[in-house]
Amino acid sequence: MLVHLFGHLQGDVVLRVVFIDTGRTVEALANQLQAWGPELYPHPITAATVRNEGGMVLELAATLTQAGLHAGDIFSVEGVGL
């Protein structure tokens, strides 16, 4: 199922809307956000922390469904070593 999520990339000043299938992984979500944002990290992101709007770290290999992300949720992506 296609959903819209609001993503914040560490170092960016805006939330970006990402449309993605819930069967994709959290890592794919992070890479999609980075691809549309400013060049803040090497692409694709190989070492990132992704958090839900409550601040809980999400497993990169989990699908969005497994991670508990739903349409309209906010997530953040933080690069490692920045």
PDB file of N, CA and C in Angstrom:
ATOM      1  N   MET A   1       0.837  -1.169   0.000  1.00  0.00           N
ATOM      2  CA  MET A   1       0.000   0.000   0.000  1.00  0.00           C
ATOM      3  C   MET A   1       0.889   1.241   0.000  1.00  0.00           C
ATOM      4  N   LEU A   2       0.586   2.178  -0.866  1.00  0.00           N
ATOM      5  CA  LEU A   2       1.348   3.421  -0.963  1.00  0.00           C
ATOM      6  C   LEU A   2       0.889   4.387   0.133  1.00  0.00           C
ATOM      7  N   VAL A   3       1.861   4.959   0.871  1.00  0.00           N
ATOM      8  CA  VAL A   3       1.546   5.920   1.935  1.00  0.00           C
ATOM      9  C   VAL A   3       2.429   7.157   1.778  1.00  0.00           C
ATOM     10  N   HIS A   4       2.009   8.231   2.417  1.00  0.00           N
ATOM     11  CA  HIS A   4       2.837   9.434   2.465  1.00  0.00           C
ATOM     12  C   HIS A   4       3.356   9.592   3.889  1.00  0.00           C
ATOM     13  N   LEU A   5       4.633   9.916   4.000  1.00  0.00           N
ATOM     14  CA  LEU A   5       5.285  10.145   5.285  1.00  0.00           C
ATOM     15  C   LEU A   5       6.020  11.476   5.207  1.00  0.00           C
ATOM     16  N   PHE A   6       6.248  12.089   6.351  1.00  0.00           N
ATOM     17  CA  PHE A   6       6.966  13.350   6.411  1.00  0.00           C
ATOM     18  C   PHE A   6       8.336  13.077   7.019  1.00  0.00           C
ATOM     19  N   GLY A   7       9.386  13.366   6.266  1.00  0.00           N
ATOM     20  CA  GLY A   7      10.738  13.052   6.714  1.00  0.00           C
ATOM     21  C   GLY A   7      11.579  14.281   6.953  1.00  0.00           C
ATOM     22  N   HIS A   8      12.404  14.195   7.992  1.00  0.00           N
ATOM     23  CA  HIS A   8      13.376  15.249   8.292  1.00  0.00           C
ATOM     24  C   HIS A   8      14.763  14.648   8.218  1.00  0.00           C
ATOM     25  N   LEU A   9      15.604  15.226   7.402  1.00  0.00           N
ATOM     26  CA  LEU A   9      16.986  14.794   7.237  1.00  0.00           C
ATOM     27  C   LEU A   9      17.855  15.691   8.101  1.00  0.00           C
ATOM     28  N   GLN A  10      18.667  15.096   8.962  1.00  0.00           N
ATOM     29  CA  GLN A  10      19.554  15.860   9.844  1.00  0.00           C
ATOM     30  C   GLN A  10      20.337  16.884   9.029  1.00  0.00           C
ATOM     31  N   GLY A  11      20.310  18.121   9.481  1.00  0.00           N
ATOM     32  CA  GLY A  11      21.026  19.178   8.790  1.00  0.00           C
ATOM     33  C   GLY A  11      20.178  19.940   7.792  1.00  0.00           C
ATOM     34  N   ASP A  12      18.987  19.427   7.476  1.00  0.00           N
ATOM     35  CA  ASP A  12      18.072  20.100   6.560  1.00  0.00           C
ATOM     36  C   ASP A  12      17.125  20.971   7.385  1.00  0.00           C
ATOM     37  N   VAL A  13      16.462  21.907   6.755  1.00  0.00           N
ATOM     38  CA  VAL A  13      15.596  22.823   7.496  1.00  0.00           C
ATOM     39  C   VAL A  13      14.108  22.577   7.256  1.00  0.00           C
ATOM     40  N   VAL A  14      13.757  21.622   6.410  1.00  0.00           N
ATOM     41  CA  VAL A  14      12.354  21.388   6.077  1.00  0.00           C
ATOM     42  C   VAL A  14      11.982  19.926   6.265  1.00  0.00           C
ATOM     43  N   LEU A  15      10.686  19.680   6.385  1.00  0.00           N
ATOM     44  CA  LEU A  15      10.146  18.319   6.302  1.00  0.00           C
ATOM     45  C   LEU A  15       9.824  18.066   4.838  1.00  0.00           C
ATOM     46  N   ARG A  16      10.129  16.896   4.360  1.00  0.00           N
ATOM     47  CA  ARG A  16       9.817  16.537   2.976  1.00  0.00           C
ATOM     48  C   ARG A  16       8.794  15.415   2.971  1.00  0.00           C
ATOM     49  N   VAL A  17       7.885  15.463   2.009  1.00  0.00           N
ATOM     50  CA  VAL A  17       6.875  14.413   1.866  1.00  0.00           C
ATOM     51  C   VAL A  17       7.478  13.309   1.004  1.00  0.00           C
ATOM     52  N   VAL A  18       7.381  12.077   1.492  1.00  0.00           N
ATOM     53  CA  VAL A  18       7.877  10.913   0.769  1.00  0.00           C
ATOM     54  C   VAL A  18       6.697   9.976   0.542  1.00  0.00           C
ATOM     55  N   PHE A  19       6.489   9.551  -0.698  1.00  0.00           N
ATOM     56  CA  PHE A  19       5.481   8.555  -1.022  1.00  0.00           C
ATOM     57  C   PHE A  19       6.209   7.242  -1.246  1.00  0.00           C
ATOM     58  N   ILE A  20       5.800   6.199  -0.522  1.00  0.00           N
ATOM     59  CA  ILE A  20       6.522   4.930  -0.577  1.00  0.00           C
ATOM     60  C   ILE A  20       5.579   3.785  -0.227  1.00  0.00           C
ATOM     61  N   ASP A  21       5.853   2.618  -0.746  1.00  0.00           N
ATOM     62  CA  ASP A  21       5.061   1.415  -0.456  1.00  0.00           C
ATOM     63  C   ASP A  21       5.426   0.879   0.919  1.00  0.00           C
ATOM     64  N   THR A  22       4.441   0.451   1.680  1.00  0.00           N
ATOM     65  CA  THR A  22       4.680  -0.045   3.040  1.00  0.00           C
ATOM     66  C   THR A  22       5.492  -1.337   3.074  1.00  0.00           C
ATOM     67  N   GLY A  23       5.657  -1.999   1.943  1.00  0.00           N
ATOM     68  CA  GLY A  23       6.478  -3.212   1.880  1.00  0.00           C
ATOM     69  C   GLY A  23       7.963  -2.924   1.726  1.00  0.00           C
ATOM     70  N   ARG A  24       8.330  -1.662   1.486  1.00  0.00           N
ATOM     71  CA  ARG A  24       9.735  -1.284   1.363  1.00  0.00           C
ATOM     72  C   ARG A  24      10.362  -1.206   2.743  1.00  0.00           C
ATOM     73  N   THR A  25      11.695  -1.191   2.784  1.00  0.00           N
ATOM     74  CA  THR A  25      12.393  -1.182   4.070  1.00  0.00           C
ATOM     75  C   THR A  25      12.602   0.244   4.588  1.00  0.00           C
ATOM     76  N   VAL A  26      12.905   0.323   5.868  1.00  0.00           N
ATOM     77  CA  VAL A  26      13.234   1.598   6.497  1.00  0.00           C
ATOM     78  C   VAL A  26      14.485   2.181   5.835  1.00  0.00           C
ATOM     79  N   GLU A  27      15.431   1.337   5.489  1.00  0.00           N
ATOM     80  CA  GLU A  27      16.637   1.805   4.802  1.00  0.00           C
ATOM     81  C   GLU A  27      16.295   2.432   3.453  1.00  0.00           C
ATOM     82  N   ALA A  28      15.378   1.810   2.697  1.00  0.00           N
ATOM     83  CA  ALA A  28      14.950   2.374   1.413  1.00  0.00           C
ATOM     84  C   ALA A  28      14.281   3.729   1.621  1.00  0.00           C
ATOM     85  N   LEU A  29      13.514   3.860   2.691  1.00  0.00           N
ATOM     86  CA  LEU A  29      12.877   5.134   3.032  1.00  0.00           C
ATOM     87  C   LEU A  29      13.928   6.204   3.293  1.00  0.00           C
ATOM     88  N   ALA A  30      14.943   5.869   4.074  1.00  0.00           N
ATOM     89  CA  ALA A  30      16.018   6.817   4.380  1.00  0.00           C
ATOM     90  C   ALA A  30      16.748   7.235   3.105  1.00  0.00           C
ATOM     91  N   ASN A  31      17.008   6.285   2.237  1.00  0.00           N
ATOM     92  CA  ASN A  31      17.710   6.596   0.983  1.00  0.00           C
ATOM     93  C   ASN A  31      16.856   7.458   0.066  1.00  0.00           C
ATOM     94  N   GLN A  32      15.543   7.208   0.037  1.00  0.00           N
ATOM     95  CA  GLN A  32      14.657   8.009  -0.798  1.00  0.00           C
ATOM     96  C   GLN A  32      14.619   9.457  -0.297  1.00  0.00           C
ATOM     97  N   LEU A  33      14.546   9.640   1.010  1.00  0.00           N
ATOM     98  CA  LEU A  33      14.552  10.984   1.568  1.00  0.00           C
ATOM     99  C   LEU A  33      15.862  11.688   1.233  1.00  0.00           C
ATOM    100  N   GLN A  34      16.979  11.005   1.385  1.00  0.00           N
ATOM    101  CA  GLN A  34      18.289  11.601   1.113  1.00  0.00           C
ATOM    102  C   GLN A  34      18.426  11.960  -0.365  1.00  0.00           C
ATOM    103  N   ALA A  35      17.884  11.147  -1.242  1.00  0.00           N
ATOM    104  CA  ALA A  35      17.996  11.404  -2.677  1.00  0.00           C
ATOM    105  C   ALA A  35      17.288  12.688  -3.079  1.00  0.00           C
ATOM    106  N   TRP A  36      16.223  13.050  -2.360  1.00  0.00           N
ATOM    107  CA  TRP A  36      15.461  14.246  -2.688  1.00  0.00           C
ATOM    108  C   TRP A  36      15.884  15.449  -1.870  1.00  0.00           C
ATOM    109  N   GLY A  37      16.723  15.247  -0.883  1.00  0.00           N
ATOM    110  CA  GLY A  37      17.153  16.348  -0.025  1.00  0.00           C
ATOM    111  C   GLY A  37      18.490  16.896  -0.476  1.00  0.00           C
ATOM    112  N   PRO A  38      19.034  17.792   0.310  1.00  0.00           N
ATOM    113  CA  PRO A  38      20.366  18.330  -0.010  1.00  0.00           C
ATOM    114  C   PRO A  38      21.431  17.242   0.126  1.00  0.00           C
ATOM    115  N   GLU A  39      22.544  17.414  -0.521  1.00  0.00           N
ATOM    116  CA  GLU A  39      23.625  16.424  -0.478  1.00  0.00           C
ATOM    117  C   GLU A  39      24.371  16.506   0.851  1.00  0.00           C
ATOM    118  N   LEU A  40      23.755  15.978   1.895  1.00  0.00           N
ATOM    119  CA  LEU A  40      24.348  16.031   3.228  1.00  0.00           C
ATOM    120  C   LEU A  40      25.129  14.772   3.569  1.00  0.00           C
ATOM    121  N   TYR A  41      24.811  13.656   2.919  1.00  0.00           N
ATOM    122  CA  TYR A  41      25.434  12.373   3.216  1.00  0.00           C
ATOM    123  C   TYR A  41      25.853  11.713   1.918  1.00  0.00           C
ATOM    124  N   PRO A  42      26.780  10.758   2.001  1.00  0.00           N
ATOM    125  CA  PRO A  42      27.068   9.940   0.814  1.00  0.00           C
ATOM    126  C   PRO A  42      25.798   9.169   0.440  1.00  0.00           C
ATOM    127  N   HIS A  43      25.601   8.954  -0.847  1.00  0.00           N
ATOM    128  CA  HIS A  43      24.388   8.241  -1.277  1.00  0.00           C
ATOM    129  C   HIS A  43      24.781   6.931  -1.922  1.00  0.00           C
ATOM    130  N   PRO A  44      24.125   5.811  -1.625  1.00  0.00           N
ATOM    131  CA  PRO A  44      23.057   5.717  -0.632  1.00  0.00           C
ATOM    132  C   PRO A  44      23.617   5.732   0.792  1.00  0.00           C
ATOM    133  N   ILE A  45      22.752   6.044   1.738  1.00  0.00           N
ATOM    134  CA  ILE A  45      23.150   6.072   3.141  1.00  0.00           C
ATOM    135  C   ILE A  45      23.398   4.629   3.583  1.00  0.00           C
ATOM    136  N   THR A  46      24.603   4.341   4.016  1.00  0.00           N
ATOM    137  CA  THR A  46      24.899   2.974   4.445  1.00  0.00           C
ATOM    138  C   THR A  46      24.932   2.856   5.955  1.00  0.00           C
ATOM    139  N   ALA A  47      25.029   3.971   6.655  1.00  0.00           N
ATOM    140  CA  ALA A  47      25.048   3.951   8.112  1.00  0.00           C
ATOM    141  C   ALA A  47      24.232   5.135   8.603  1.00  0.00           C
ATOM    142  N   ALA A  48      22.986   4.884   8.919  1.00  0.00           N
ATOM    143  CA  ALA A  48      22.101   5.949   9.362  1.00  0.00           C
ATOM    144  C   ALA A  48      21.248   5.443  10.508  1.00  0.00           C
ATOM    145  N   THR A  49      20.741   6.391  11.280  1.00  0.00           N
ATOM    146  CA  THR A  49      19.769   6.082  12.311  1.00  0.00           C
ATOM    147  C   THR A  49      18.460   6.706  11.877  1.00  0.00           C
ATOM    148  N   VAL A  50      17.415   5.898  11.848  1.00  0.00           N
ATOM    149  CA  VAL A  50      16.090   6.383  11.490  1.00  0.00           C
ATOM    150  C   VAL A  50      15.214   6.270  12.724  1.00  0.00           C
ATOM    151  N   ARG A  51      14.535   7.359  13.050  1.00  0.00           N
ATOM    152  CA  ARG A  51      13.668   7.391  14.234  1.00  0.00           C
ATOM    153  C   ARG A  51      12.240   7.748  13.830  1.00  0.00           C
ATOM    154  N   ASN A  52      11.274   7.195  14.584  1.00  0.00           N
ATOM    155  CA  ASN A  52       9.890   7.603  14.371  1.00  0.00           C
ATOM    156  C   ASN A  52       9.655   8.907  15.117  1.00  0.00           C
ATOM    157  N   GLU A  53       8.446   9.442  15.030  1.00  0.00           N
ATOM    158  CA  GLU A  53       8.201  10.750  15.651  1.00  0.00           C
ATOM    159  C   GLU A  53       8.269  10.711  17.166  1.00  0.00           C
ATOM    160  N   GLY A  54       8.198   9.521  17.760  1.00  0.00           N
ATOM    161  CA  GLY A  54       8.364   9.376  19.201  1.00  0.00           C
ATOM    162  C   GLY A  54       9.816   9.257  19.626  1.00  0.00           C
ATOM    163  N   GLY A  55      10.738   9.221  18.642  1.00  0.00           N
ATOM    164  CA  GLY A  55      12.162   9.138  18.946  1.00  0.00           C
ATOM    165  C   GLY A  55      12.720   7.731  19.011  1.00  0.00           C
ATOM    166  N   MET A  56      11.874   6.709  18.773  1.00  0.00           N
ATOM    167  CA  MET A  56      12.340   5.330  18.825  1.00  0.00           C
ATOM    168  C   MET A  56      13.133   4.999  17.551  1.00  0.00           C
ATOM    169  N   VAL A  57      14.280   4.364  17.724  1.00  0.00           N
ATOM    170  CA  VAL A  57      15.116   3.960  16.592  1.00  0.00           C
ATOM    171  C   VAL A  57      14.438   2.796  15.870  1.00  0.00           C
ATOM    172  N   LEU A  58      14.375   2.895  14.538  1.00  0.00           N
ATOM    173  CA  LEU A  58      13.756   1.865  13.710  1.00  0.00           C
ATOM    174  C   LEU A  58      14.830   0.986  13.087  1.00  0.00           C
ATOM    175  N   GLU A  59      14.552  -0.292  13.000  1.00  0.00           N
ATOM    176  CA  GLU A  59      15.462  -1.259  12.388  1.00  0.00           C
ATOM    177  C   GLU A  59      15.497  -1.024  10.882  1.00  0.00           C
ATOM    178  N   LEU A  60      16.687  -0.830  10.310  1.00  0.00           N
ATOM    179  CA  LEU A  60      16.821  -0.513   8.894  1.00  0.00           C
ATOM    180  C   LEU A  60      16.279  -1.615   7.981  1.00  0.00           C
ATOM    181  N   ALA A  61      16.383  -2.859   8.400  1.00  0.00           N
ATOM    182  CA  ALA A  61      15.947  -3.975   7.555  1.00  0.00           C
ATOM    183  C   ALA A  61      14.443  -4.231   7.640  1.00  0.00           C
ATOM    184  N   ALA A  62      13.761  -3.604   8.581  1.00  0.00           N
ATOM    185  CA  ALA A  62      12.320  -3.819   8.755  1.00  0.00           C
ATOM    186  C   ALA A  62      11.546  -3.127   7.642  1.00  0.00           C
ATOM    187  N   THR A  63      10.412  -3.725   7.268  1.00  0.00           N
ATOM    188  CA  THR A  63       9.523  -3.029   6.343  1.00  0.00           C
ATOM    189  C   THR A  63       8.849  -1.895   7.101  1.00  0.00           C
ATOM    190  N   LEU A  64       8.271  -0.971   6.365  1.00  0.00           N
ATOM    191  CA  LEU A  64       7.583   0.135   7.025  1.00  0.00           C
ATOM    192  C   LEU A  64       6.437  -0.380   7.886  1.00  0.00           C
ATOM    193  N   THR A  65       5.750  -1.417   7.421  1.00  0.00           N
ATOM    194  CA  THR A  65       4.675  -2.026   8.210  1.00  0.00           C
ATOM    195  C   THR A  65       5.229  -2.592   9.502  1.00  0.00           C
ATOM    196  N   GLN A  66       6.320  -3.346   9.419  1.00  0.00           N
ATOM    197  CA  GLN A  66       6.940  -3.932  10.610  1.00  0.00           C
ATOM    198  C   GLN A  66       7.431  -2.849  11.569  1.00  0.00           C
ATOM    199  N   ALA A  67       7.874  -1.719  11.029  1.00  0.00           N
ATOM    200  CA  ALA A  67       8.377  -0.625  11.853  1.00  0.00           C
ATOM    201  C   ALA A  67       7.248   0.195  12.473  1.00  0.00           C
ATOM    202  N   GLY A  68       6.023  -0.066  12.041  1.00  0.00           N
ATOM    203  CA  GLY A  68       4.879   0.639  12.610  1.00  0.00           C
ATOM    204  C   GLY A  68       4.642   2.022  12.031  1.00  0.00           C
ATOM    205  N   LEU A  69       5.165   2.287  10.843  1.00  0.00           N
ATOM    206  CA  LEU A  69       4.942   3.583  10.210  1.00  0.00           C
ATOM    207  C   LEU A  69       3.639   3.550   9.410  1.00  0.00           C
ATOM    208  N   HIS A  70       2.859   4.613   9.546  1.00  0.00           N
ATOM    209  CA  HIS A  70       1.556   4.725   8.879  1.00  0.00           C
ATOM    210  C   HIS A  70       1.489   6.057   8.141  1.00  0.00           C
ATOM    211  N   ALA A  71       0.529   6.165   7.240  1.00  0.00           N
ATOM    212  CA  ALA A  71       0.346   7.392   6.464  1.00  0.00           C
ATOM    213  C   ALA A  71       0.295   8.607   7.386  1.00  0.00           C
ATOM    214  N   GLY A  72       1.052   9.628   7.014  1.00  0.00           N
ATOM    215  CA  GLY A  72       1.067  10.868   7.763  1.00  0.00           C
ATOM    216  C   GLY A  72       2.066  10.927   8.904  1.00  0.00           C
ATOM    217  N   ASP A  73       2.742   9.814   9.192  1.00  0.00           N
ATOM    218  CA  ASP A  73       3.734   9.802  10.275  1.00  0.00           C
ATOM    219  C   ASP A  73       4.956  10.639   9.903  1.00  0.00           C
ATOM    220  N   ILE A  74       5.652  11.087  10.931  1.00  0.00           N
ATOM    221  CA  ILE A  74       6.900  11.836  10.765  1.00  0.00           C
ATOM    222  C   ILE A  74       8.057  10.928  11.167  1.00  0.00           C
ATOM    223  N   PHE A  75       9.144  10.975  10.399  1.00  0.00           N
ATOM    224  CA  PHE A  75      10.344  10.220  10.741  1.00  0.00           C
ATOM    225  C   PHE A  75      11.547  11.126  10.530  1.00  0.00           C
ATOM    226  N   SER A  76      12.667  10.750  11.133  1.00  0.00           N
ATOM    227  CA  SER A  76      13.891  11.527  10.952  1.00  0.00           C
ATOM    228  C   SER A  76      15.041  10.591  10.610  1.00  0.00           C
ATOM    229  N   VAL A  77      15.974  11.114   9.846  1.00  0.00           N
ATOM    230  CA  VAL A  77      17.155  10.356   9.433  1.00  0.00           C
ATOM    231  C   VAL A  77      18.387  11.134   9.887  1.00  0.00           C
ATOM    232  N   GLU A  78      19.240  10.441  10.644  1.00  0.00           N
ATOM    233  CA  GLU A  78      20.476  11.037  11.142  1.00  0.00           C
ATOM    234  C   GLU A  78      21.635  10.257  10.561  1.00  0.00           C
ATOM    235  N   GLY A  79      22.613  10.942   9.990  1.00  0.00           N
ATOM    236  CA  GLY A  79      23.796  10.290   9.461  1.00  0.00           C
ATOM    237  C   GLY A  79      24.751   9.934  10.566  1.00  0.00           C
ATOM    238  N   VAL A  80      25.559   8.929  10.329  1.00  0.00           N
ATOM    239  CA  VAL A  80      26.544   8.511  11.317  1.00  0.00           C
ATOM    240  C   VAL A  80      27.850   9.231  11.041  1.00  0.00           C
ATOM    241  N   GLY A  81      28.474   9.740  12.085  1.00  0.00           N
ATOM    242  CA  GLY A  81      29.768  10.378  11.951  1.00  0.00           C
ATOM    243  C   GLY A  81      29.719  11.815  11.473  1.00  0.00           C
ATOM    244  N   LEU A  82      28.544  12.439  11.498  1.00  0.00           N
ATOM    245  CA  LEU A  82      28.438  13.834  11.079  1.00  0.00           C
ATOM    246  C   LEU A  82      28.387  14.755  12.257  1.00  0.00           C
TER     247      LEU A  82
END
